[in-house]
Protein backbone atom coordinates (compact mmCIF):
# COMPACT_ATOMS: atom_id res chain seq x y z
CA UNK A 1 66.72 15.36 -16.98
CA UNK A 2 68.69 17.01 -19.43
CA UNK A 3 68.44 14.16 -21.34
CA UNK A 4 64.33 14.31 -21.37
CA UNK A 5 64.82 18.37 -21.84
CA UNK A 6 66.74 17.43 -25.11
CA UNK A 7 64.30 14.88 -26.40
CA UNK A 8 61.32 17.51 -26.08
CA UNK A 9 63.20 20.37 -28.03
CA UNK A 10 64.24 17.62 -30.96
CA UNK A 11 60.71 17.01 -30.91
CA UNK A 12 59.31 20.53 -30.66
CA UNK A 13 62.19 21.41 -33.73
CA UNK A 14 60.57 18.68 -35.86
CA UNK A 15 57.23 19.88 -35.08
CA UNK A 16 57.72 23.06 -36.30
CA UNK A 17 59.62 22.49 -39.15
CA UNK A 18 56.91 20.11 -40.19
CA UNK A 19 53.80 22.64 -39.50
CA UNK A 20 53.77 24.60 -42.78
CA UNK A 21 55.14 22.95 -45.87
CA UNK A 22 56.47 25.75 -48.23
CA UNK A 23 54.41 27.08 -50.87
CA UNK A 24 55.54 26.83 -54.46
CA UNK A 25 55.94 22.92 -54.81
CA UNK A 26 52.87 21.03 -55.75
CA UNK A 27 51.87 18.73 -53.12
CA UNK A 28 49.29 15.74 -52.06
CA UNK A 29 46.73 17.43 -50.32
CA UNK A 30 43.88 15.69 -47.96
CA UNK A 31 40.42 15.65 -49.14
CA UNK A 32 38.61 13.14 -45.97
CA UNK A 33 35.02 13.69 -47.37
CA UNK A 34 33.61 11.05 -45.27
CA UNK A 35 34.15 12.19 -41.74
CA UNK A 36 30.37 12.23 -40.04
CA UNK A 37 31.47 14.45 -37.51
CA UNK A 38 32.04 17.50 -39.45
CA UNK A 39 29.14 19.63 -39.92
CA UNK A 40 29.92 22.43 -41.61
CA UNK A 41 32.99 23.85 -44.16
CA UNK A 42 33.39 27.24 -45.13
CA UNK A 43 35.75 28.14 -47.92
CA UNK A 44 35.94 31.64 -49.35
CA UNK A 45 38.53 34.01 -50.60
CA UNK A 46 40.29 36.07 -48.22
CA UNK A 47 39.08 40.11 -49.07
CA UNK A 48 42.41 42.09 -50.58
CA UNK A 49 44.56 38.99 -51.36
CA UNK A 50 44.65 36.86 -54.15
CA UNK A 51 45.41 32.98 -53.52
CA UNK A 52 44.52 33.38 -49.94
CA UNK A 53 41.30 31.50 -48.80
CA UNK A 54 39.99 31.69 -45.19
CA UNK A 55 38.89 27.48 -44.49
CA UNK A 56 37.36 26.28 -41.57
CA UNK A 57 35.79 22.90 -40.33
CA UNK A 58 33.27 22.38 -38.02
CA UNK A 59 33.55 19.02 -35.54
CA UNK A 60 30.78 18.21 -33.60
CA UNK A 61 30.37 15.36 -31.51
CA UNK A 62 26.86 13.90 -31.91
CA UNK A 63 26.98 10.29 -30.72
CA UNK A 64 29.41 10.50 -27.87
CA UNK A 65 32.52 12.49 -26.47
CA UNK A 66 34.82 12.47 -29.26
CA UNK A 67 38.98 12.71 -29.11
CA UNK A 68 40.47 14.63 -31.66
CA UNK A 69 44.50 13.88 -31.72
CA UNK A 70 44.92 15.77 -35.00
CA UNK A 71 43.81 18.08 -37.94
CA UNK A 72 45.56 18.65 -40.93
CA UNK A 73 44.55 21.57 -43.15
CA UNK A 74 45.86 21.43 -46.67
CA UNK A 75 45.75 22.59 -49.90
CA UNK A 76 47.30 22.40 -53.20
CA UNK A 77 50.05 24.61 -52.19
CA UNK A 78 50.41 24.25 -48.34
CA UNK A 79 49.98 22.06 -45.58
CA UNK A 80 48.93 22.92 -41.99
CA UNK A 81 49.28 20.94 -39.05
CA UNK A 82 47.06 21.26 -36.31
CA UNK A 83 48.10 18.86 -32.65
CA UNK A 84 44.95 19.09 -30.91
CA UNK A 85 44.73 16.56 -28.40
CA UNK A 86 41.38 17.61 -26.76
CA UNK A 87 37.87 16.19 -26.61
CA UNK A 88 34.77 17.00 -27.69
CA UNK A 89 31.89 16.46 -25.33
CA UNK A 90 28.83 14.66 -26.74
CA UNK A 91 26.19 17.33 -27.97
CA UNK A 92 28.90 20.06 -28.30
CA UNK A 93 31.27 21.41 -31.33
CA UNK A 94 34.67 22.54 -32.12
CA UNK A 95 36.21 24.44 -34.95
CA UNK A 96 39.43 24.15 -36.55
CA UNK A 97 40.69 26.85 -39.23
CA UNK A 98 43.31 29.01 -40.83
CA UNK A 99 43.96 31.62 -43.57
CA UNK A 100 45.64 29.14 -46.36
CA UNK A 101 47.61 29.68 -49.52
CA UNK A 102 46.08 28.08 -52.46
CA UNK A 103 45.65 28.27 -56.19
CA UNK A 104 42.32 27.24 -56.43
CA UNK A 105 39.48 27.09 -53.20
CA UNK A 106 38.52 23.76 -54.48
CA UNK A 107 41.78 22.06 -53.01
CA UNK A 108 41.07 22.79 -49.59
CA UNK A 109 41.16 19.80 -47.91
CA UNK A 110 40.87 18.38 -43.92
CA UNK A 111 41.97 15.03 -42.63
CA UNK A 112 40.79 14.85 -38.75
CA UNK A 113 42.74 11.88 -36.94
CA UNK A 114 40.80 10.71 -33.70
CA UNK A 115 42.87 9.89 -30.22
CA UNK A 116 41.73 6.05 -30.45
CA UNK A 117 43.28 6.23 -34.05
CA UNK A 118 46.71 8.11 -33.40
CA UNK A 119 46.83 5.37 -30.37
CA UNK A 120 46.48 2.47 -32.21
CA UNK A 121 48.96 3.52 -34.74
CA UNK A 122 51.46 4.16 -32.24
CA UNK A 123 50.94 0.76 -30.74
CA UNK A 124 51.46 -0.89 -34.50
CA UNK A 125 54.62 0.98 -34.94
CA UNK A 126 55.66 -0.36 -31.48
CA UNK A 127 55.03 -3.48 -32.81
CA UNK A 128 56.78 -3.10 -36.32
CA UNK A 129 53.44 -3.16 -38.41
CA UNK A 130 53.44 0.23 -39.99
CA UNK A 131 50.71 0.16 -42.34
CA UNK A 132 50.23 3.33 -44.71
CA UNK A 133 51.79 5.30 -41.63
CA UNK A 134 55.20 6.82 -41.84
CA UNK A 135 57.39 7.66 -38.72
CA UNK A 136 56.89 11.51 -39.46
CA UNK A 137 53.32 10.72 -38.90
CA UNK A 138 54.15 8.41 -35.54
CA UNK A 139 56.42 11.48 -34.56
CA UNK A 140 53.65 13.59 -34.19
CA UNK A 141 50.91 11.62 -32.81
CA UNK A 142 53.42 10.80 -29.96
CA UNK A 143 54.10 14.34 -29.46
CA UNK A 144 50.94 15.72 -29.22
CA UNK A 145 49.32 12.50 -27.50
CA UNK A 146 52.24 12.72 -24.79
CA UNK A 147 54.07 9.22 -25.43
CA UNK A 148 57.47 9.31 -25.01
């Protein structure tokens, strides 16, 4: 029991430490423009705060129910990981967003990982076949989906 609690606390601390990349250093930001279930994006300046932006993404399940594991919102100065692990029923939508710091509103982007993709990456990592996936990403997916 103590071992499980310790592992859970370690995983949570890693998740919290990796939730927001400190601003100041330039980082790679995600621009996933071809995710067909994103129906609307709102990017607008935050009133009264220079360099801050309101960013919302609407994801709609048109064809079938859609399982979302993680949404990563990023800009040229920060990256926010939102572990979701949520199913969106067919015909419904869900919104994800944040107030983010960015030098330019054009650099705001997103990366959405479905539950199926996350589970596939976890399975491949157990087989030793990491393809363009790092261990931090695998750890986040395991934590969000409840794999231990």
